[in-house]
N, C-alpha and C. Protein backbone atom coordinates (compact mmCIF):
# COMPACT_ATOMS: atom_id res chain seq x y z
N UNK A 1 6.88 11.24 -13.71
CA UNK A 1 6.15 10.04 -13.74
C UNK A 1 4.89 9.91 -13.47
N UNK A 2 3.98 8.86 -14.08
CA UNK A 2 2.88 8.73 -14.03
C UNK A 2 2.50 8.58 -12.31
N UNK A 3 0.98 8.85 -11.93
CA UNK A 3 0.52 8.91 -10.90
C UNK A 3 0.43 7.44 -10.47
N UNK A 4 0.16 6.38 -9.24
CA UNK A 4 -0.21 5.18 -8.99
C UNK A 4 -1.64 4.64 -9.15
N UNK A 5 -2.28 6.30 -8.69
CA UNK A 5 -3.93 6.18 -8.86
C UNK A 5 -4.22 5.47 -10.76
N UNK A 6 -3.47 6.40 -11.50
CA UNK A 6 -3.97 6.17 -13.10
C UNK A 6 -3.26 5.29 -12.88
N UNK A 7 -2.46 4.72 -13.36
CA UNK A 7 -1.81 3.28 -13.43
C UNK A 7 -2.64 2.24 -12.71
N UNK A 8 -3.35 2.24 -11.97
CA UNK A 8 -4.15 1.07 -11.03
C UNK A 8 -5.64 1.63 -12.43
N UNK A 9 -5.86 2.28 -12.18
CA UNK A 9 -7.18 2.16 -13.05
C UNK A 9 -6.68 2.03 -14.46
N UNK A 10 -5.39 2.46 -15.39
CA UNK A 10 -5.35 1.87 -16.28
C UNK A 10 -5.16 0.03 -16.12
N UNK A 11 -5.14 -0.17 -15.11
CA UNK A 11 -4.96 -1.96 -14.71
C UNK A 11 -6.38 -2.42 -14.74
N UNK A 12 -7.62 -1.12 -13.96
CA UNK A 12 -8.54 -1.69 -13.93
C UNK A 12 -9.41 -1.79 -15.65
N UNK A 13 -9.10 -0.59 -16.22
CA UNK A 13 -10.17 -0.40 -17.33
C UNK A 13 -9.92 -1.10 -18.44
N UNK A 14 -8.78 -0.26 -18.94
CA UNK A 14 -7.48 -0.97 -20.29
C UNK A 14 -8.31 -2.49 -20.12
N UNK A 15 -8.63 -3.28 -20.85
CA UNK A 15 -8.51 -4.85 -21.05
C UNK A 15 -7.68 -5.19 -21.57
N UNK A 16 -7.15 -4.85 -22.73
CA UNK A 16 -5.75 -5.11 -23.02
C UNK A 16 -4.33 -4.98 -22.28
N UNK A 17 -4.38 -3.87 -21.39
CA UNK A 17 -3.18 -3.78 -20.71
C UNK A 17 -3.51 -4.76 -19.39
N UNK A 18 -4.00 -4.85 -18.89
CA UNK A 18 -4.92 -6.05 -18.34
C UNK A 18 -4.37 -7.05 -18.04
N UNK A 19 -4.22 -7.75 -19.69
CA UNK A 19 -3.87 -9.14 -19.64
C UNK A 19 -2.45 -9.46 -18.56
N UNK A 20 -2.55 -10.22 -17.64
CA UNK A 20 -1.09 -10.39 -16.80
C UNK A 20 -1.53 -10.56 -15.64
N UNK A 21 -0.54 -10.55 -14.73
CA UNK A 21 -0.15 -11.35 -13.53
C UNK A 21 0.08 -9.63 -12.97
N UNK A 22 -0.38 -8.79 -12.24
CA UNK A 22 0.35 -7.80 -11.78
C UNK A 22 0.67 -7.77 -9.76
N UNK A 23 1.53 -7.52 -9.29
CA UNK A 23 1.88 -7.25 -8.33
C UNK A 23 2.18 -5.94 -7.55
N UNK A 24 2.04 -5.76 -6.82
CA UNK A 24 2.58 -4.52 -6.31
C UNK A 24 3.10 -4.30 -4.77
N UNK A 25 4.11 -3.11 -4.72
CA UNK A 25 5.37 -3.78 -3.74
C UNK A 25 4.75 -2.45 -2.80
N UNK A 26 4.72 -2.26 -1.26
CA UNK A 26 4.13 -1.13 -0.77
C UNK A 26 4.85 -1.25 0.59
N UNK A 27 5.58 -0.06 1.14
CA UNK A 27 6.09 0.09 2.14
C UNK A 27 5.74 -0.57 3.59
N UNK A 28 6.08 -1.86 3.96
CA UNK A 28 5.51 -1.71 5.62
C UNK A 28 6.50 -1.12 6.81
N UNK A 29 6.13 -0.03 6.77
CA UNK A 29 6.58 0.57 8.38
C UNK A 29 7.24 0.01 8.76
N UNK A 30 6.30 -0.82 9.37
CA UNK A 30 6.94 -1.59 10.64
C UNK A 30 7.97 -2.35 10.55
N UNK A 31 8.10 -3.10 9.77
CA UNK A 31 9.38 -4.18 9.34
C UNK A 31 10.40 -3.52 9.00
N UNK A 32 9.67 -1.81 8.20
CA UNK A 32 10.95 -1.54 7.34
C UNK A 32 11.51 -2.45 6.13
N UNK A 33 10.58 -2.74 5.16
CA UNK A 33 10.89 -3.25 3.72
C UNK A 33 9.39 -3.21 3.06
N UNK A 34 9.87 -3.39 2.25
CA UNK A 34 8.44 -3.65 1.04
C UNK A 34 8.23 -4.76 0.89
N UNK A 35 6.71 -4.95 0.71
CA UNK A 35 5.95 -6.09 0.92
C UNK A 35 5.48 -6.05 -0.42
N UNK A 36 5.44 -7.06 -1.20
CA UNK A 36 4.90 -7.99 -2.58
C UNK A 36 3.67 -8.54 -2.28
N UNK A 37 2.18 -7.52 -2.64
CA UNK A 37 0.99 -8.65 -2.94
C UNK A 37 0.47 -8.69 -4.41
N UNK A 38 0.06 -9.63 -4.84
CA UNK A 38 -0.78 -9.62 -5.74
C UNK A 38 -1.75 -8.75 -5.62
N UNK A 39 -1.96 -8.27 -7.05
CA UNK A 39 -2.97 -7.02 -7.13
C UNK A 39 -4.83 -7.34 -7.12
N UNK A 40 -4.31 -8.53 -7.03
CA UNK A 40 -5.88 -9.29 -7.24
C UNK A 40 -5.94 -9.80 -5.61
N UNK A 41 -5.26 -9.65 -5.39
CA UNK A 41 -5.68 -9.89 -3.96
C UNK A 41 -6.10 -8.72 -3.04
N UNK A 42 -5.65 -7.07 -3.57
CA UNK A 42 -5.99 -6.21 -3.25
C UNK A 42 -7.26 -5.89 -3.64
N UNK A 43 -7.89 -5.11 -2.32
CA UNK A 43 -9.33 -4.61 -2.35
C UNK A 43 -9.63 -3.40 -2.58
N UNK A 44 -10.18 -2.75 -3.08
CA UNK A 44 -10.20 -1.41 -3.88
C UNK A 44 -11.59 -0.63 -3.31
N UNK A 45 -11.54 0.34 -2.17
CA UNK A 45 -13.23 0.35 -1.97
C UNK A 45 -13.70 1.93 -3.19
N UNK A 46 -14.33 2.45 -4.28
CA UNK A 46 -14.64 3.14 -5.45
C UNK A 46 -14.48 4.40 -4.41
N UNK A 47 -15.26 4.32 -3.47
CA UNK A 47 -15.39 5.58 -2.48
C UNK A 47 -14.29 5.83 -1.89
N UNK A 48 -13.33 5.40 -1.95
CA UNK A 48 -12.04 5.77 -0.65
C UNK A 48 -10.80 5.85 -1.83
N UNK A 49 -10.03 7.42 -2.48
CA UNK A 49 -9.29 7.32 -3.71
C UNK A 49 -7.79 7.41 -2.19
N UNK A 50 -7.89 6.80 -1.37
CA UNK A 50 -6.57 7.14 -0.72
C UNK A 50 -5.91 6.15 0.36
N UNK A 51 -6.50 4.98 -0.45
CA UNK A 51 -5.88 3.71 0.47
C UNK A 51 -6.47 2.13 0.18
N UNK A 52 -5.95 1.57 0.09
CA UNK A 52 -6.56 -0.13 -0.30
C UNK A 52 -6.53 -0.82 0.86
N UNK A 53 -6.81 -2.05 0.74
CA UNK A 53 -6.92 -2.87 1.39
C UNK A 53 -6.15 -4.49 1.30
N UNK A 54 -5.57 -4.82 2.19
CA UNK A 54 -4.94 -6.08 1.71
C UNK A 54 -4.97 -6.83 3.13
N UNK A 55 -5.16 -8.28 3.40
CA UNK A 55 -4.62 -9.51 4.29
C UNK A 55 -3.84 -10.35 4.14
N UNK A 56 -2.86 -9.79 5.71
CA UNK A 56 -1.39 -10.68 5.84
C UNK A 56 -2.03 -11.85 5.65
N UNK A 57 -0.70 -12.90 5.95
CA UNK A 57 -1.15 -14.55 6.28
C UNK A 57 -1.33 -14.72 7.44
N UNK A 58 -1.62 -13.95 8.22
CA UNK A 58 -2.82 -14.32 10.01
C UNK A 58 -3.70 -13.61 9.34
N UNK A 59 -4.36 -13.55 8.38
CA UNK A 59 -5.78 -13.26 8.05
C UNK A 59 -5.95 -11.57 8.61
N UNK A 60 -5.25 -10.97 9.08
CA UNK A 60 -5.15 -9.56 9.40
C UNK A 60 -5.37 -8.67 8.45
N UNK A 61 -6.42 -7.40 8.48
CA UNK A 61 -6.88 -6.66 7.41
C UNK A 61 -5.63 -5.72 7.70
N UNK A 62 -5.57 -5.21 6.79
CA UNK A 62 -4.29 -4.06 6.32
C UNK A 62 -4.54 -2.80 5.89
N UNK A 63 -4.87 -1.24 6.21
CA UNK A 63 -5.51 -0.18 5.05
C UNK A 63 -4.26 0.40 4.83
N UNK A 64 -3.81 0.22 3.66
CA UNK A 64 -2.43 0.48 2.95
C UNK A 64 -3.12 2.31 2.33
N UNK A 65 -1.96 3.27 2.72
CA UNK A 65 -2.03 4.39 1.39
C UNK A 65 -1.46 4.05 0.01
N UNK A 66 -2.59 4.67 -0.57
CA UNK A 66 -1.17 4.63 -2.05
C UNK A 66 -0.23 5.66 -2.01
N UNK A 67 0.22 6.36 -1.13
CA UNK A 67 1.60 7.12 -1.52
C UNK A 67 2.88 6.22 -0.83
N UNK A 68 2.18 4.72 0.01
CA UNK A 68 3.57 4.21 0.42
C UNK A 68 3.54 3.04 -0.54
N UNK A 69 3.17 3.26 -1.85
CA UNK A 69 3.23 2.23 -2.71
C UNK A 69 4.67 2.60 -3.79
N UNK A 70 5.66 1.19 -3.51
CA UNK A 70 6.65 1.98 -3.82
C UNK A 70 6.89 0.96 -5.19
N UNK A 71 6.38 0.07 -6.12
CA UNK A 71 6.79 -1.10 -7.13
C UNK A 71 5.35 -1.47 -7.55
N UNK A 72 5.45 -1.77 -8.93
CA UNK A 72 4.39 -2.47 -10.02
C UNK A 72 4.78 -3.16 -10.35
N UNK A 73 4.46 -5.00 -10.67
CA UNK A 73 4.97 -5.49 -11.47
C UNK A 73 4.35 -5.80 -12.83
N UNK A 74 4.44 -6.54 -13.70
CA UNK A 74 3.24 -6.99 -14.50
C UNK A 74 4.34 -8.30 -15.41
N UNK A 75 3.76 -8.93 -15.14
CA UNK A 75 4.32 -10.68 -15.33
C UNK A 75 5.87 -10.53 -14.91
N UNK A 76 6.19 -9.97 -13.61
CA UNK A 76 7.35 -10.17 -13.26
C UNK A 76 8.54 -9.05 -13.71
N UNK A 77 8.04 -8.43 -14.20
CA UNK A 77 8.35 -6.88 -15.03
C UNK A 77 8.19 -5.92 -14.12
N UNK A 78 9.66 -5.09 -13.78
CA UNK A 78 9.26 -3.71 -12.94
C UNK A 78 8.31 -2.92 -14.19
N UNK A 79 6.76 -1.95 -14.00
CA UNK A 79 6.41 -0.89 -15.01
C UNK A 79 6.86 0.13 -14.09
N UNK A 80 6.92 0.48 -12.76
CA UNK A 80 6.35 1.12 -11.84
C UNK A 80 6.96 1.54 -10.72
N UNK A 81 8.15 2.38 -10.08
CA UNK A 81 8.36 2.47 -9.11
C UNK A 81 8.62 3.49 -8.61
N UNK A 82 8.62 4.02 -7.39
CA UNK A 82 8.24 5.23 -6.61
C UNK A 82 9.61 5.23 -5.40
N UNK A 83 10.70 5.82 -5.42
CA UNK A 83 11.73 5.93 -4.67
C UNK A 83 10.90 6.10 -3.08
């Protein structure tokens, strides 16, 4: 299986592959469910190779480790999954 950071780098740098809408599903330990967020709403710090940041519906910022990413969708189709 392709590591999540490699897939995200491909989306970031491969213009042809990056055409479309991407959604990331990450594991929320508090509510024990997978939360889906649009990739354009995800903040990546180029210096931090371990996590990304998202804001919830209340405007609260959350740092999500990459190992909690469970799914990636492109145009509604599942293209990557980790159990």
